C-alpha atoms as a PDB file:
ATOM      1  CA  MET A   1      45.658   6.393  98.955  1.00  0.00           C
ATOM      2  CA  LYS A   2      43.941   6.418  95.639  1.00  0.00           C
ATOM      3  CA  HIS A   3      40.397   5.057  95.670  1.00  0.00           C
ATOM      4  CA  PRO A   4      40.498   1.751  93.761  1.00  0.00           C
ATOM      5  CA  LEU A   5      37.088   2.446  92.079  1.00  0.00           C
ATOM      6  CA  ASN A   6      37.798   5.978  90.755  1.00  0.00           C
ATOM      7  CA  PRO A   7      37.515   5.054  86.974  1.00  0.00           C
ATOM      8  CA  THR A   8      34.261   3.147  87.616  1.00  0.00           C
ATOM      9  CA  ILE A   9      32.796   6.066  89.603  1.00  0.00           C
ATOM     10  CA  ILE A  10      33.741   8.518  86.925  1.00  0.00           C
ATOM     11  CA  CYS A  11      32.108   6.383  84.246  1.00  0.00           C
ATOM     12  CA  LEU A  12      28.970   6.036  86.389  1.00  0.00           C
ATOM     13  CA  ARG A  13      28.928   9.807  86.950  1.00  0.00           C
ATOM     14  CA  ILE A  14      29.115  10.451  83.267  1.00  0.00           C
ATOM     15  CA  SER A  15      26.199   8.143  82.393  1.00  0.00           C
ATOM     16  CA  SER A  16      24.043   9.696  85.185  1.00  0.00           C
ATOM     17  CA  ILE A  17      24.753  13.105  83.696  1.00  0.00           C
ATOM     18  CA  VAL A  18      23.714  11.829  80.384  1.00  0.00           C
ATOM     19  CA  TYR A  19      20.482  10.432  81.895  1.00  0.00           C
ATOM     20  CA  PHE A  20      19.662  13.648  83.448  1.00  0.00           C
ATOM     21  CA  LEU A  21      20.403  15.522  80.192  1.00  0.00           C
ATOM     22  CA  ILE A  22      18.076  13.066  78.395  1.00  0.00           C
ATOM     23  CA  ALA A  23      15.348  13.911  81.012  1.00  0.00           C
ATOM     24  CA  LEU A  24      15.870  17.709  80.250  1.00  0.00           C
ATOM     25  CA  VAL A  25      15.536  17.124  76.541  1.00  0.00           C
ATOM     26  CA  CYS A  26      12.489  14.970  76.974  1.00  0.00           C
ATOM     27  CA  ILE A  27      10.639  17.559  79.091  1.00  0.00           C
ATOM     28  CA  ILE A  28      10.780  20.161  76.344  1.00  0.00           C
ATOM     29  CA  PRO A  29       8.444  18.137  73.871  1.00  0.00           C
ATOM     30  CA  PHE A  30       6.231  17.292  76.778  1.00  0.00           C
ATOM     31  CA  PHE A  31       5.152  20.902  77.111  1.00  0.00           C
ATOM     32  CA  THR A  32       5.453  21.913  73.492  1.00  0.00           C
ATOM     33  CA  VAL A  33       3.494  19.167  71.686  1.00  0.00           C
ATOM     34  CA  SER A  34       1.317  21.257  69.227  1.00  0.00           C
ATOM     35  CA  LEU A  35      -2.353  20.406  69.362  1.00  0.00           C
ATOM     36  CA  ALA A  36      -2.764  21.902  65.899  1.00  0.00           C
ATOM     37  CA  ASP A  37      -0.962  19.060  64.068  1.00  0.00           C
ATOM     38  CA  GLN A  38      -2.465  16.130  65.967  1.00  0.00           C
ATOM     39  CA  THR A  39      -5.866  15.113  67.251  1.00  0.00           C
ATOM     40  CA  PRO A  40      -6.224  15.366  71.001  1.00  0.00           C
ATOM     41  CA  THR A  41      -5.767  11.713  71.473  1.00  0.00           C
ATOM     42  CA  GLU A  42      -2.466  11.643  69.536  1.00  0.00           C
ATOM     43  CA  ALA A  43      -1.246  14.668  71.489  1.00  0.00           C
ATOM     44  CA  MET A  44      -2.066  13.012  74.788  1.00  0.00           C
ATOM     45  CA  ILE A  45      -0.327   9.859  73.664  1.00  0.00           C
ATOM     46  CA  LEU A  46       2.810  11.751  72.746  1.00  0.00           C
ATOM     47  CA  ARG A  47       2.770  13.695  76.042  1.00  0.00           C
ATOM     48  CA  ILE A  48       2.408  10.501  78.061  1.00  0.00           C
ATOM     49  CA  GLY A  49       5.359   9.062  75.978  1.00  0.00           C
ATOM     50  CA  TRP A  50       7.577  11.982  76.465  1.00  0.00           C
ATOM     51  CA  GLY A  51       6.633  12.123  80.252  1.00  0.00           C
ATOM     52  CA  MET A  52       7.477   8.563  80.726  1.00  0.00           C
ATOM     53  CA  MET A  53      10.850   8.938  79.097  1.00  0.00           C
ATOM     54  CA  CYS A  54      11.636  11.779  81.193  1.00  0.00           C
ATOM     55  CA  ALA A  55      10.637   9.921  84.380  1.00  0.00           C
ATOM     56  CA  LEU A  56      12.537   6.784  83.432  1.00  0.00           C
ATOM     57  CA  SER A  57      15.670   8.958  82.704  1.00  0.00           C
ATOM     58  CA  ILE A  58      15.429  10.580  86.078  1.00  0.00           C
ATOM     59  CA  ILE A  59      14.925   7.271  87.874  1.00  0.00           C
ATOM     60  CA  PHE A  60      17.938   5.703  86.038  1.00  0.00           C
ATOM     61  CA  GLY A  61      19.992   8.746  86.984  1.00  0.00           C
ATOM     62  CA  VAL A  62      19.105   8.549  90.661  1.00  0.00           C
ATOM     63  CA  PHE A  63      19.705   4.782  90.751  1.00  0.00           C
ATOM     64  CA  ILE A  64      23.220   5.299  89.312  1.00  0.00           C
ATOM     65  CA  GLU A  65      23.934   7.980  91.858  1.00  0.00           C
ATOM     66  CA  LYS A  66      22.887   5.487  94.587  1.00  0.00           C
ATOM     67  CA  ILE A  67      25.295   3.010  93.105  1.00  0.00           C
ATOM     68  CA  ILE A  68      28.086   5.663  93.081  1.00  0.00           C
ATOM     69  CA  LYS A  69      27.427   6.303  96.807  1.00  0.00           C
ATOM     70  CA  ALA A  70      27.514   2.615  97.623  1.00  0.00           C
ATOM     71  CA  LEU A  71      30.825   2.156  95.718  1.00  0.00           C
ATOM     72  CA  LYS A  72      32.444   5.030  97.638  1.00  0.00           C
ATOM     73  CA  GLN A  73      31.449   3.337 100.845  1.00  0.00           C
ATOM     74  CA  GLY A  74      32.583  -0.055  99.653  1.00  0.00           C
ATOM     75  CA  ARG A  75      29.274  -1.729  99.838  1.00  0.00           C
ATOM     76  CA  HIS A  76      29.188  -5.260  98.303  1.00  0.00           C
ATOM     77  CA  TRP A  77      25.768  -4.649  96.780  1.00  0.00           C
ATOM     78  CA  GLY A  78      27.116  -1.559  95.016  1.00  0.00           C
ATOM     79  CA  TRP A  79      29.836  -3.654  93.476  1.00  0.00           C
ATOM     80  CA  ILE A  80      27.392  -6.170  92.209  1.00  0.00           C
ATOM     81  CA  ALA A  81      25.071  -3.471  90.777  1.00  0.00           C
ATOM     82  CA  GLY A  82      28.056  -1.817  89.154  1.00  0.00           C
ATOM     83  CA  LEU A  83      28.901  -5.201  87.472  1.00  0.00           C
ATOM     84  CA  CYS A  84      25.330  -5.556  86.201  1.00  0.00           C
ATOM     85  CA  ILE A  85      25.240  -1.968  84.885  1.00  0.00           C
ATOM     86  CA  ALA A  86      28.708  -2.442  83.227  1.00  0.00           C
ATOM     87  CA  GLY A  87      27.352  -5.613  81.611  1.00  0.00           C
ATOM     88  CA  LEU A  88      24.248  -3.814  80.347  1.00  0.00           C
ATOM     89  CA  TYR A  89      26.319  -0.893  78.974  1.00  0.00           C
ATOM     90  CA  ILE A  90      28.715  -3.058  76.787  1.00  0.00           C
ATOM     91  CA  PRO A  91      26.128  -3.911  74.053  1.00  0.00           C
ATOM     92  CA  SER A  92      24.693  -0.273  74.089  1.00  0.00           C
ATOM     93  CA  GLY A  93      25.898   3.249  73.274  1.00  0.00           C
ATOM     94  CA  PHE A  94      27.721   3.352  76.497  1.00  0.00           C
ATOM     95  CA  MET A  95      30.073   0.594  75.318  1.00  0.00           C
ATOM     96  CA  VAL A  96      33.376   2.360  76.153  1.00  0.00           C
ATOM     97  CA  LEU A  97      32.088   3.305  79.726  1.00  0.00           C
ATOM     98  CA  GLY A  98      30.958  -0.328  80.210  1.00  0.00           C
ATOM     99  CA  ILE A  99      34.282  -1.828  79.301  1.00  0.00           C
ATOM    100  CA  ILE A 100      36.134   0.704  81.467  1.00  0.00           C
ATOM    101  CA  MET A 101      33.797  -0.103  84.380  1.00  0.00           C
ATOM    102  CA  LEU A 102      33.974  -3.786  83.968  1.00  0.00           C
ATOM    103  CA  VAL A 103      37.701  -4.003  83.779  1.00  0.00           C
ATOM    104  CA  ASN A 104      38.103  -1.806  86.837  1.00  0.00           C
ATOM    105  CA  LEU A 105      35.413  -3.616  88.822  1.00  0.00           C
ATOM    106  CA  LEU A 106      37.128  -7.008  88.176  1.00  0.00           C
ATOM    107  CA  LYS A 107      40.493  -5.941  89.416  1.00  0.00           C
ATOM    108  CA  GLU A 108      41.426  -7.694  92.587  1.00  0.00           C
ATOM    109  CA  GLU A 109      41.919  -4.506  94.660  1.00  0.00           C
ATOM    110  CA  SER A 110      38.455  -3.358  93.778  1.00  0.00           C
ATOM    111  CA  LYS A 111      37.021  -6.732  94.909  1.00  0.00           C
ATOM    112  CA  GLU A 112      38.937  -6.674  98.193  1.00  0.00           C
ATOM    113  CA  TYR A 113      37.924  -3.084  98.852  1.00  0.00           C
ATOM    114  CA  CYS A 114      34.212  -4.000  98.587  1.00  0.00           C
ATOM    115  CA  LYS A 115      34.498  -7.277 100.359  1.00  0.00           C
ATOM    116  CA  LYS A 116      36.504  -5.750 103.150  1.00  0.00           C
ATOM    117  CA  GLU A 117      33.861  -3.101 103.826  1.00  0.00           C
ATOM    118  CA  SER A 118      31.039  -5.730 103.733  1.00  0.00           C
ATOM    119  CA  LYS A 119      32.821  -7.870 106.169  1.00  0.00           C
ATOM    120  CA  GLN A 120      33.269  -5.119 108.629  1.00  0.00           C
ATOM    121  CA  ALA A 121      29.585  -4.150 108.393  1.00  0.00           C
ATOM    122  CA  SER A 122      28.480  -7.754 108.910  1.00  0.00           C
ATOM    123  CA  GLN A 123      30.686  -8.106 111.892  1.00  0.00           C
ATOM    124  CA  ALA A 124      29.322  -4.880 113.328  1.00  0.00           C
ATOM    125  CA  ILE A 125      25.832  -6.148 112.793  1.00  0.00           C
ATOM    126  CA  GLY A 126      26.602  -9.617 114.247  1.00  0.00           C
ATOM    127  CA  ALA A 127      28.248  -7.927 117.436  1.00  0.00           C
ATOM    128  CA  ALA A 128      25.140  -5.791 118.017  1.00  0.00           C
ATOM    129  CA  ALA A 129      22.721  -8.606 117.721  1.00  0.00           C
ATOM    130  CA  PRO A 130      21.538 -10.088 120.921  1.00  0.00           C
ATOM    131  CA  GLN A 131      22.557 -13.716 121.532  1.00  0.00           C
ATOM    132  CA  PRO A 132      19.850 -16.233 122.409  1.00  0.00           C
ATOM    133  CA  GLU A 133      19.743 -17.497 125.965  1.00  0.00           C
ATOM    134  CA  ARG A 134      20.239 -21.244 126.611  1.00  0.00           C
END
């Protein structure tokens, strides 16, 4: 059976790759900021800025990979996080990816896939929990 969230997972994978590529591009100026053109304070500010952009890109990429894993497992929180990411992508440069993700996440089979898995997990947790004595 075809996984109901394949288009969403592909779009998220593309965006995580873009974030990791941004991190690679940001690390180059971090090490190559020329001290000859700027004062030491300006160079330090530029290095901090490039370092923060690199770190944030890596953090976003890892977070999106976590969402991909949750969607593959049918986790309800992954579905909600995917909706949030899709909503954030629509008014940005990832507009096409956001629209594809949103349309696919709002399909009934995608909703049922994530709700079914979360119901099974909650039932397993409820069965394992000890019952209070009366």
